[in-house]
Amino acid sequence: MLEVAKIYSVVGELSQDIFQGIRPFRSPHHTTSRVGLIGGGSTPMPGEISMAHRGVLFLDEFPEFPRNVLEAMRQPLEDGVVTVSRAAGTLTFPARFLLLAASNPCPCGFLGHPKRPCKCAPGMILRYKKRLSGPLLDRIDLHIDVPPVEVEELSDEYESESSRDVRKRVQTARTIQEKRLEDTGFLFNSEMRSSDIKKYCTLINDAKEMLKQAVDRLSLSARSYFKTIKVAQTIADLEGSEEIKSSHIAEALQYRAKEL
């Protein structure tokens, strides 16, 4: 948390929450400027991505952000740092955050809705989707469609798995990852480089074959190939499996972007 404390001290927002182990959660409005999100200014200051370091950056209405602002996140998402260059010099701010983005399927929000028809013309839908570039979407590991919730489910008294139980499973998986990566200086699977993946991730033959077929049929990029393995390794960790199985690869592939 020392890194996080330094960032918040620079911008004058240091609070006791940081020293209590509460991770940052930032949710900037979609009208935020490039400098506001990435950082910069005449006197370079950290932006929202650095303020979210070791925490969560939530971008609601994702396609509504200016495209040049979103595209500027590509390098920080890959490297975990952002470099701001000015005439007076160059500064590098840490920016290793968990990006959580939400968007509607179309401008009216009802594309694919089981009961309400979409009122958008095909051209409108296409332009809306093109606001997010393929390379940016390719850097997001998990893509999930959230269907509308039926009223019966809202009033149902069925109890799902508690957050406490989920937290225990996540903590167990994180312990496994920390032990696996203790010689690298990394903490989580998401931080692994391609060389680390080849060294620490063990795929059984069926999983290798499935991934190879997916690369051929889905035309996955090299980045997608390694990201799929990292997600599959995390699924295996949550399951307590020492090897990556074909079922883990299959689930990881389901989370890739459907349309790039």
C-alpha atoms as a PDB file:
ATOM      1  CA  MET A   1       0.000   0.000   0.000  1.00  0.00           C
ATOM      2  CA  LEU A   2       3.030   2.312   0.213  1.00  0.00           C
ATOM      3  CA  GLU A   3       2.894   2.934  -3.551  1.00  0.00           C
ATOM      4  CA  VAL A   4      -0.781   3.879  -3.296  1.00  0.00           C
ATOM      5  CA  ALA A   5      -0.113   6.176  -0.329  1.00  0.00           C
ATOM      6  CA  LYS A   6       2.589   8.016  -2.296  1.00  0.00           C
ATOM      7  CA  ILE A   7       0.215   8.624  -5.222  1.00  0.00           C
ATOM      8  CA  TYR A   8      -2.558   9.980  -3.029  1.00  0.00           C
ATOM      9  CA  SER A   9      -0.073  12.113  -1.133  1.00  0.00           C
ATOM     10  CA  VAL A  10       1.059  13.741  -4.392  1.00  0.00           C
ATOM     11  CA  VAL A  11      -2.505  14.731  -5.329  1.00  0.00           C
ATOM     12  CA  GLY A  12      -3.402  15.735  -1.768  1.00  0.00           C
ATOM     13  CA  GLU A  13      -6.022  13.032  -1.155  1.00  0.00           C
ATOM     14  CA  LEU A  14      -4.232  10.867   1.408  1.00  0.00           C
ATOM     15  CA  SER A  15      -6.665   9.237   3.871  1.00  0.00           C
ATOM     16  CA  GLN A  16      -6.646   6.642   6.641  1.00  0.00           C
ATOM     17  CA  ASP A  17      -8.521   4.182   4.396  1.00  0.00           C
ATOM     18  CA  ILE A  18      -5.312   3.459   2.504  1.00  0.00           C
ATOM     19  CA  PHE A  19      -3.414   2.524   5.667  1.00  0.00           C
ATOM     20  CA  GLN A  20      -6.317   0.296   6.723  1.00  0.00           C
ATOM     21  CA  GLY A  21      -5.798  -1.838   3.619  1.00  0.00           C
ATOM     22  CA  ILE A  22      -8.850  -0.553   1.729  1.00  0.00           C
ATOM     23  CA  ARG A  23      -8.027  -0.718  -1.964  1.00  0.00           C
ATOM     24  CA  PRO A  24      -8.796   2.278  -4.218  1.00  0.00           C
ATOM     25  CA  PHE A  25     -12.037   2.357  -6.180  1.00  0.00           C
ATOM     26  CA  ARG A  26     -12.264   5.079  -8.836  1.00  0.00           C
ATOM     27  CA  SER A  27     -15.282   5.768 -11.024  1.00  0.00           C
ATOM     28  CA  PRO A  28     -14.705   8.815 -13.270  1.00  0.00           C
ATOM     29  CA  HIS A  29     -17.525  10.271 -15.379  1.00  0.00           C
ATOM     30  CA  HIS A  30     -17.452   9.565 -19.122  1.00  0.00           C
ATOM     31  CA  THR A  31     -16.765  13.258 -19.813  1.00  0.00           C
ATOM     32  CA  THR A  32     -13.359  12.944 -18.114  1.00  0.00           C
ATOM     33  CA  SER A  33     -10.509  14.337 -20.222  1.00  0.00           C
ATOM     34  CA  ARG A  34      -7.429  12.445 -21.364  1.00  0.00           C
ATOM     35  CA  VAL A  35      -5.299  14.253 -18.771  1.00  0.00           C
ATOM     36  CA  GLY A  36      -7.864  13.513 -16.067  1.00  0.00           C
ATOM     37  CA  LEU A  37      -7.860   9.791 -16.836  1.00  0.00           C
ATOM     38  CA  ILE A  38      -4.240   9.151 -17.846  1.00  0.00           C
ATOM     39  CA  GLY A  39      -2.417  11.949 -16.043  1.00  0.00           C
ATOM     40  CA  GLY A  40      -0.368  14.919 -17.198  1.00  0.00           C
ATOM     41  CA  GLY A  41      -0.805  18.664 -17.184  1.00  0.00           C
ATOM     42  CA  SER A  42       1.777  21.476 -17.243  1.00  0.00           C
ATOM     43  CA  THR A  43       2.959  20.114 -13.900  1.00  0.00           C
ATOM     44  CA  PRO A  44       2.476  16.341 -14.462  1.00  0.00           C
ATOM     45  CA  MET A  45       0.095  14.792 -11.942  1.00  0.00           C
ATOM     46  CA  PRO A  46      -1.309  11.252 -11.652  1.00  0.00           C
ATOM     47  CA  GLY A  47      -4.605  10.572 -13.413  1.00  0.00           C
ATOM     48  CA  GLU A  48      -7.469   8.257 -12.510  1.00  0.00           C
ATOM     49  CA  ILE A  49      -5.624   5.134 -13.706  1.00  0.00           C
ATOM     50  CA  SER A  50      -2.825   5.841 -11.244  1.00  0.00           C
ATOM     51  CA  MET A  51      -5.287   6.740  -8.494  1.00  0.00           C
ATOM     52  CA  ALA A  52      -6.760   3.266  -9.055  1.00  0.00           C
ATOM     53  CA  HIS A  53      -3.341   1.577  -8.680  1.00  0.00           C
ATOM     54  CA  ARG A  54      -3.718  -1.786  -6.890  1.00  0.00           C
ATOM     55  CA  GLY A  55      -7.469  -1.216  -6.888  1.00  0.00           C
ATOM     56  CA  VAL A  56     -10.436  -0.952  -9.268  1.00  0.00           C
ATOM     57  CA  LEU A  57     -11.096   1.530 -12.076  1.00  0.00           C
ATOM     58  CA  PHE A  58     -14.799   1.391 -12.968  1.00  0.00           C
ATOM     59  CA  LEU A  59     -15.787   2.977 -16.290  1.00  0.00           C
ATOM     60  CA  ASP A  60     -19.565   3.050 -16.648  1.00  0.00           C
ATOM     61  CA  GLU A  61     -21.041   3.774 -20.097  1.00  0.00           C
ATOM     62  CA  PHE A  62     -17.719   2.636 -21.574  1.00  0.00           C
ATOM     63  CA  PRO A  63     -18.398   3.571 -25.233  1.00  0.00           C
ATOM     64  CA  GLU A  64     -19.407   7.109 -24.198  1.00  0.00           C
ATOM     65  CA  PHE A  65     -15.828   7.989 -23.222  1.00  0.00           C
ATOM     66  CA  PRO A  66     -13.951   9.848 -25.990  1.00  0.00           C
ATOM     67  CA  ARG A  67     -12.108   7.340 -28.146  1.00  0.00           C
ATOM     68  CA  ASN A  68      -8.738   9.090 -27.804  1.00  0.00           C
ATOM     69  CA  VAL A  69      -9.089   8.882 -24.003  1.00  0.00           C
ATOM     70  CA  LEU A  70      -9.785   5.140 -24.085  1.00  0.00           C
ATOM     71  CA  GLU A  71      -7.016   4.432 -26.590  1.00  0.00           C
ATOM     72  CA  ALA A  72      -4.521   6.099 -24.255  1.00  0.00           C
ATOM     73  CA  MET A  73      -5.164   3.291 -21.751  1.00  0.00           C
ATOM     74  CA  ARG A  74      -3.783   0.587 -24.041  1.00  0.00           C
ATOM     75  CA  GLN A  75      -0.148   0.919 -22.977  1.00  0.00           C
ATOM     76  CA  PRO A  76      -0.864   1.244 -19.206  1.00  0.00           C
ATOM     77  CA  LEU A  77      -3.126  -1.814 -19.345  1.00  0.00           C
ATOM     78  CA  GLU A  78      -0.267  -3.777 -20.851  1.00  0.00           C
ATOM     79  CA  ASP A  79       2.673  -2.447 -18.815  1.00  0.00           C
ATOM     80  CA  GLY A  80       1.129  -1.413 -15.495  1.00  0.00           C
ATOM     81  CA  VAL A  81       2.754   2.035 -15.678  1.00  0.00           C
ATOM     82  CA  VAL A  82       2.074   5.293 -17.529  1.00  0.00           C
ATOM     83  CA  THR A  83       4.819   7.628 -18.711  1.00  0.00           C
ATOM     84  CA  VAL A  84       4.092  11.348 -19.051  1.00  0.00           C
ATOM     85  CA  SER A  85       6.610  13.357 -21.074  1.00  0.00           C
ATOM     86  CA  ARG A  86       6.859  17.135 -20.991  1.00  0.00           C
ATOM     87  CA  ALA A  87       9.505  19.678 -21.997  1.00  0.00           C
ATOM     88  CA  ALA A  88      10.721  19.846 -18.399  1.00  0.00           C
ATOM     89  CA  GLY A  89      11.205  16.097 -18.155  1.00  0.00           C
ATOM     90  CA  THR A  90       9.548  12.679 -18.005  1.00  0.00           C
ATOM     91  CA  LEU A  91       7.636  11.106 -15.127  1.00  0.00           C
ATOM     92  CA  THR A  92       6.454   7.518 -14.757  1.00  0.00           C
ATOM     93  CA  PHE A  93       3.443   6.765 -12.550  1.00  0.00           C
ATOM     94  CA  PRO A  94       2.359   3.251 -11.471  1.00  0.00           C
ATOM     95  CA  ALA A  95      -0.948   2.152 -13.006  1.00  0.00           C
ATOM     96  CA  ARG A  96      -1.585  -1.523 -12.266  1.00  0.00           C
ATOM     97  CA  PHE A  97      -5.346  -1.557 -11.803  1.00  0.00           C
ATOM     98  CA  LEU A  98      -8.321  -3.833 -12.361  1.00  0.00           C
ATOM     99  CA  LEU A  99     -10.404  -2.348 -15.177  1.00  0.00           C
ATOM    100  CA  LEU A 100     -14.142  -2.900 -14.801  1.00  0.00           C
ATOM    101  CA  ALA A 101     -16.182  -1.505 -17.686  1.00  0.00           C
ATOM    102  CA  ALA A 102     -19.926  -1.558 -18.355  1.00  0.00           C
ATOM    103  CA  SER A 103     -21.882  -0.643 -21.465  1.00  0.00           C
ATOM    104  CA  ASN A 104     -25.234  -1.084 -23.165  1.00  0.00           C
ATOM    105  CA  PRO A 105     -25.452  -3.397 -26.211  1.00  0.00           C
ATOM    106  CA  CYS A 106     -26.707  -0.503 -28.360  1.00  0.00           C
ATOM    107  CA  PRO A 107     -27.695   3.188 -28.003  1.00  0.00           C
ATOM    108  CA  CYS A 108     -31.262   2.400 -26.860  1.00  0.00           C
ATOM    109  CA  GLY A 109     -30.079  -0.443 -24.615  1.00  0.00           C
ATOM    110  CA  PHE A 110     -32.495  -3.143 -25.794  1.00  0.00           C
ATOM    111  CA  LEU A 111     -30.529  -5.062 -28.441  1.00  0.00           C
ATOM    112  CA  GLY A 112     -31.086  -8.750 -27.699  1.00  0.00           C
ATOM    113  CA  HIS A 113     -33.704  -8.067 -25.019  1.00  0.00           C
ATOM    114  CA  PRO A 114     -36.184 -10.984 -24.792  1.00  0.00           C
ATOM    115  CA  LYS A 115     -39.256  -8.738 -24.434  1.00  0.00           C
ATOM    116  CA  ARG A 116     -38.516  -5.204 -25.614  1.00  0.00           C
ATOM    117  CA  PRO A 117     -37.558  -4.531 -29.246  1.00  0.00           C
ATOM    118  CA  CYS A 118     -34.444  -2.578 -30.180  1.00  0.00           C
ATOM    119  CA  LYS A 119     -35.259   0.747 -31.877  1.00  0.00           C
ATOM    120  CA  CYS A 120     -31.774   1.389 -33.284  1.00  0.00           C
ATOM    121  CA  ALA A 121     -30.991   1.261 -36.988  1.00  0.00           C
ATOM    122  CA  PRO A 122     -28.212  -1.187 -37.984  1.00  0.00           C
ATOM    123  CA  GLY A 123     -25.904   1.726 -38.822  1.00  0.00           C
ATOM    124  CA  MET A 124     -26.397   3.228 -35.378  1.00  0.00           C
ATOM    125  CA  ILE A 125     -25.509  -0.074 -33.703  1.00  0.00           C
ATOM    126  CA  LEU A 126     -22.406  -0.464 -35.868  1.00  0.00           C
ATOM    127  CA  ARG A 127     -21.181   3.060 -35.113  1.00  0.00           C
ATOM    128  CA  TYR A 128     -21.832   2.500 -31.398  1.00  0.00           C
ATOM    129  CA  LYS A 129     -19.765  -0.700 -31.341  1.00  0.00           C
ATOM    130  CA  LYS A 130     -16.958   0.893 -33.354  1.00  0.00           C
ATOM    131  CA  ARG A 131     -16.353   3.399 -30.557  1.00  0.00           C
ATOM    132  CA  LEU A 132     -14.337   0.622 -28.882  1.00  0.00           C
ATOM    133  CA  SER A 133     -11.336  -0.556 -30.888  1.00  0.00           C
ATOM    134  CA  GLY A 134     -10.340  -4.191 -31.286  1.00  0.00           C
ATOM    135  CA  PRO A 135      -6.909  -3.740 -29.646  1.00  0.00           C
ATOM    136  CA  LEU A 136      -8.531  -2.163 -26.566  1.00  0.00           C
ATOM    137  CA  LEU A 137     -11.132  -4.927 -26.216  1.00  0.00           C
ATOM    138  CA  ASP A 138      -8.399  -7.503 -26.745  1.00  0.00           C
ATOM    139  CA  ARG A 139      -6.726  -6.234 -23.560  1.00  0.00           C
ATOM    140  CA  ILE A 140      -9.815  -7.018 -21.466  1.00  0.00           C
ATOM    141  CA  ASP A 141      -9.671 -10.579 -20.163  1.00  0.00           C
ATOM    142  CA  LEU A 142     -13.318 -11.235 -19.273  1.00  0.00           C
ATOM    143  CA  HIS A 143     -16.326 -10.223 -21.379  1.00  0.00           C
ATOM    144  CA  ILE A 144     -19.689 -11.104 -19.836  1.00  0.00           C
ATOM    145  CA  ASP A 145     -23.230 -10.458 -21.103  1.00  0.00           C
ATOM    146  CA  VAL A 146     -25.620  -9.614 -18.271  1.00  0.00           C
ATOM    147  CA  PRO A 147     -29.243 -10.541 -19.163  1.00  0.00           C
ATOM    148  CA  PRO A 148     -32.260  -8.728 -17.667  1.00  0.00           C
ATOM    149  CA  VAL A 149     -33.433 -10.104 -14.332  1.00  0.00           C
ATOM    150  CA  GLU A 150     -36.968 -11.484 -14.165  1.00  0.00           C
ATOM    151  CA  VAL A 151     -39.242 -10.140 -11.434  1.00  0.00           C
ATOM    152  CA  GLU A 152     -39.661 -13.662 -10.048  1.00  0.00           C
ATOM    153  CA  GLU A 153     -35.925 -13.805  -9.402  1.00  0.00           C
ATOM    154  CA  LEU A 154     -35.996 -10.453  -7.625  1.00  0.00           C
ATOM    155  CA  SER A 155     -38.635 -11.697  -5.183  1.00  0.00           C
ATOM    156  CA  ASP A 156     -37.216 -15.229  -4.858  1.00  0.00           C
ATOM    157  CA  GLU A 157     -35.886 -16.111  -1.421  1.00  0.00           C
ATOM    158  CA  TYR A 158     -33.263 -18.494  -2.815  1.00  0.00           C
ATOM    159  CA  GLU A 159     -29.886 -17.865  -1.211  1.00  0.00           C
ATOM    160  CA  SER A 160     -26.874 -17.989  -3.499  1.00  0.00           C
ATOM    161  CA  GLU A 161     -23.282 -18.518  -2.428  1.00  0.00           C
ATOM    162  CA  SER A 162     -22.397 -15.904   0.159  1.00  0.00           C
ATOM    163  CA  SER A 163     -19.736 -13.255  -0.439  1.00  0.00           C
ATOM    164  CA  ARG A 164     -17.859 -14.668   2.566  1.00  0.00           C
ATOM    165  CA  ASP A 165     -17.594 -18.096   0.915  1.00  0.00           C
ATOM    166  CA  VAL A 166     -16.536 -16.561  -2.398  1.00  0.00           C
ATOM    167  CA  ARG A 167     -13.889 -14.515  -0.597  1.00  0.00           C
ATOM    168  CA  LYS A 168     -12.437 -17.665   0.994  1.00  0.00           C
ATOM    169  CA  ARG A 169     -12.086 -19.308  -2.428  1.00  0.00           C
ATOM    170  CA  VAL A 170     -10.471 -16.199  -3.874  1.00  0.00           C
ATOM    171  CA  GLN A 171      -8.047 -15.903  -0.957  1.00  0.00           C
ATOM    172  CA  THR A 172      -7.085 -19.568  -1.373  1.00  0.00           C
ATOM    173  CA  ALA A 173      -6.453 -19.025  -5.101  1.00  0.00           C
ATOM    174  CA  ARG A 174      -4.385 -15.898  -4.387  1.00  0.00           C
ATOM    175  CA  THR A 175      -2.257 -17.833  -1.905  1.00  0.00           C
ATOM    176  CA  ILE A 176      -1.615 -20.462  -4.580  1.00  0.00           C
ATOM    177  CA  GLN A 177      -0.589 -17.750  -7.048  1.00  0.00           C
ATOM    178  CA  GLU A 178       1.711 -15.990  -4.585  1.00  0.00           C
ATOM    179  CA  LYS A 179       3.480 -19.263  -3.811  1.00  0.00           C
ATOM    180  CA  ARG A 180       3.824 -20.129  -7.511  1.00  0.00           C
ATOM    181  CA  LEU A 181       5.241 -16.708  -8.397  1.00  0.00           C
ATOM    182  CA  GLU A 182       7.348 -16.073  -5.277  1.00  0.00           C
ATOM    183  CA  ASP A 183      10.580 -16.100  -7.327  1.00  0.00           C
ATOM    184  CA  THR A 184       9.308 -13.573  -9.882  1.00  0.00           C
ATOM    185  CA  GLY A 185       8.322 -10.641  -7.682  1.00  0.00           C
ATOM    186  CA  PHE A 186       4.764 -10.842  -9.006  1.00  0.00           C
ATOM    187  CA  LEU A 187       1.668 -11.571  -6.934  1.00  0.00           C
ATOM    188  CA  PHE A 188      -1.025 -12.569  -9.411  1.00  0.00           C
ATOM    189  CA  ASN A 189      -1.477 -14.526 -12.638  1.00  0.00           C
ATOM    190  CA  SER A 190      -2.459 -11.329 -14.446  1.00  0.00           C
ATOM    191  CA  GLU A 191       1.061  -9.962 -13.957  1.00  0.00           C
ATOM    192  CA  MET A 192       2.813 -12.909 -15.610  1.00  0.00           C
ATOM    193  CA  ARG A 193       4.814 -12.303 -18.778  1.00  0.00           C
ATOM    194  CA  SER A 194       4.803 -14.761 -21.676  1.00  0.00           C
ATOM    195  CA  SER A 195       8.067 -16.288 -20.413  1.00  0.00           C
ATOM    196  CA  ASP A 196       6.503 -16.798 -16.965  1.00  0.00           C
ATOM    197  CA  ILE A 197       3.441 -18.435 -18.495  1.00  0.00           C
ATOM    198  CA  LYS A 198       5.608 -20.925 -20.351  1.00  0.00           C
ATOM    199  CA  LYS A 199       7.522 -21.693 -17.167  1.00  0.00           C
ATOM    200  CA  TYR A 200       4.776 -21.881 -14.544  1.00  0.00           C
ATOM    201  CA  CYS A 201       1.578 -22.882 -16.384  1.00  0.00           C
ATOM    202  CA  THR A 202       1.140 -26.588 -17.083  1.00  0.00           C
ATOM    203  CA  LEU A 203      -1.455 -27.570 -19.694  1.00  0.00           C
ATOM    204  CA  ILE A 204      -2.461 -31.185 -20.179  1.00  0.00           C
ATOM    205  CA  ASN A 205      -2.416 -32.439 -23.789  1.00  0.00           C
ATOM    206  CA  ASP A 206      -6.177 -32.075 -24.306  1.00  0.00           C
ATOM    207  CA  ALA A 207      -6.018 -28.461 -23.132  1.00  0.00           C
ATOM    208  CA  LYS A 208      -3.110 -27.729 -25.493  1.00  0.00           C
ATOM    209  CA  GLU A 209      -5.010 -29.198 -28.423  1.00  0.00           C
ATOM    210  CA  MET A 210      -8.176 -27.256 -27.614  1.00  0.00           C
ATOM    211  CA  LEU A 211      -6.255 -23.990 -27.364  1.00  0.00           C
ATOM    212  CA  LYS A 212      -4.460 -24.698 -30.644  1.00  0.00           C
ATOM    213  CA  GLN A 213      -7.789 -25.276 -32.419  1.00  0.00           C
ATOM    214  CA  ALA A 214      -9.199 -22.078 -30.919  1.00  0.00           C
ATOM    215  CA  VAL A 215      -6.261 -20.038 -32.180  1.00  0.00           C
ATOM    216  CA  ASP A 216      -6.820 -21.408 -35.702  1.00  0.00           C
ATOM    217  CA  ARG A 217     -10.609 -21.075 -35.787  1.00  0.00           C
ATOM    218  CA  LEU A 218     -10.995 -17.800 -33.902  1.00  0.00           C
ATOM    219  CA  SER A 219      -7.845 -16.148 -35.279  1.00  0.00           C
ATOM    220  CA  LEU A 220      -6.690 -15.268 -31.765  1.00  0.00           C
ATOM    221  CA  SER A 221      -3.801 -12.844 -31.452  1.00  0.00           C
ATOM    222  CA  ALA A 222      -0.638 -13.720 -29.534  1.00  0.00           C
ATOM    223  CA  ARG A 223      -1.913 -11.490 -26.734  1.00  0.00           C
ATOM    224  CA  SER A 224      -5.229 -13.386 -26.632  1.00  0.00           C
ATOM    225  CA  TYR A 225      -3.373 -16.707 -26.612  1.00  0.00           C
ATOM    226  CA  PHE A 226      -1.430 -15.875 -23.459  1.00  0.00           C
ATOM    227  CA  LYS A 227      -4.354 -14.087 -21.803  1.00  0.00           C
ATOM    228  CA  THR A 228      -6.505 -17.174 -22.298  1.00  0.00           C
ATOM    229  CA  ILE A 229      -3.887 -19.285 -20.525  1.00  0.00           C
ATOM    230  CA  LYS A 230      -3.700 -16.810 -17.636  1.00  0.00           C
ATOM    231  CA  VAL A 231      -7.478 -16.853 -17.202  1.00  0.00           C
ATOM    232  CA  ALA A 232      -7.520 -20.657 -17.452  1.00  0.00           C
ATOM    233  CA  GLN A 233      -4.770 -20.844 -14.813  1.00  0.00           C
ATOM    234  CA  THR A 234      -6.860 -18.653 -12.496  1.00  0.00           C
ATOM    235  CA  ILE A 235      -9.900 -20.894 -13.042  1.00  0.00           C
ATOM    236  CA  ALA A 236      -7.721 -23.900 -12.215  1.00  0.00           C
ATOM    237  CA  ASP A 237      -6.476 -22.166  -9.056  1.00  0.00           C
ATOM    238  CA  LEU A 238     -10.038 -21.473  -7.931  1.00  0.00           C
ATOM    239  CA  GLU A 239     -10.814 -25.146  -8.502  1.00  0.00           C
ATOM    240  CA  GLY A 240      -7.673 -26.274  -6.693  1.00  0.00           C
ATOM    241  CA  SER A 241      -6.265 -28.010  -9.771  1.00  0.00           C
ATOM    242  CA  GLU A 242      -2.485 -28.142 -10.267  1.00  0.00           C
ATOM    243  CA  GLU A 243      -2.840 -28.482 -14.046  1.00  0.00           C
ATOM    244  CA  ILE A 244      -4.815 -26.579 -16.644  1.00  0.00           C
ATOM    245  CA  LYS A 245      -7.439 -28.890 -18.107  1.00  0.00           C
ATOM    246  CA  SER A 246      -9.479 -28.609 -21.287  1.00  0.00           C
ATOM    247  CA  SER A 247     -12.517 -27.517 -19.231  1.00  0.00           C
ATOM    248  CA  HIS A 248     -10.495 -24.569 -17.892  1.00  0.00           C
ATOM    249  CA  ILE A 249      -9.445 -23.548 -21.412  1.00  0.00           C
ATOM    250  CA  ALA A 250     -13.034 -23.885 -22.657  1.00  0.00           C
ATOM    251  CA  GLU A 251     -14.348 -21.607 -19.920  1.00  0.00           C
ATOM    252  CA  ALA A 252     -11.559 -19.069 -20.471  1.00  0.00           C
ATOM    253  CA  LEU A 253     -12.348 -18.942 -24.203  1.00  0.00           C
ATOM    254  CA  GLN A 254     -15.986 -18.146 -23.438  1.00  0.00           C
ATOM    255  CA  TYR A 255     -14.840 -14.932 -21.775  1.00  0.00           C
ATOM    256  CA  ARG A 256     -13.029 -13.585 -24.841  1.00  0.00           C
ATOM    257  CA  ALA A 257     -14.654 -10.706 -26.723  1.00  0.00           C
ATOM    258  CA  LYS A 258     -17.324 -11.989 -29.111  1.00  0.00           C
ATOM    259  CA  GLU A 259     -16.977  -9.112 -31.555  1.00  0.00           C
ATOM    260  CA  LEU A 260     -13.691  -7.337 -32.282  1.00  0.00           C
END
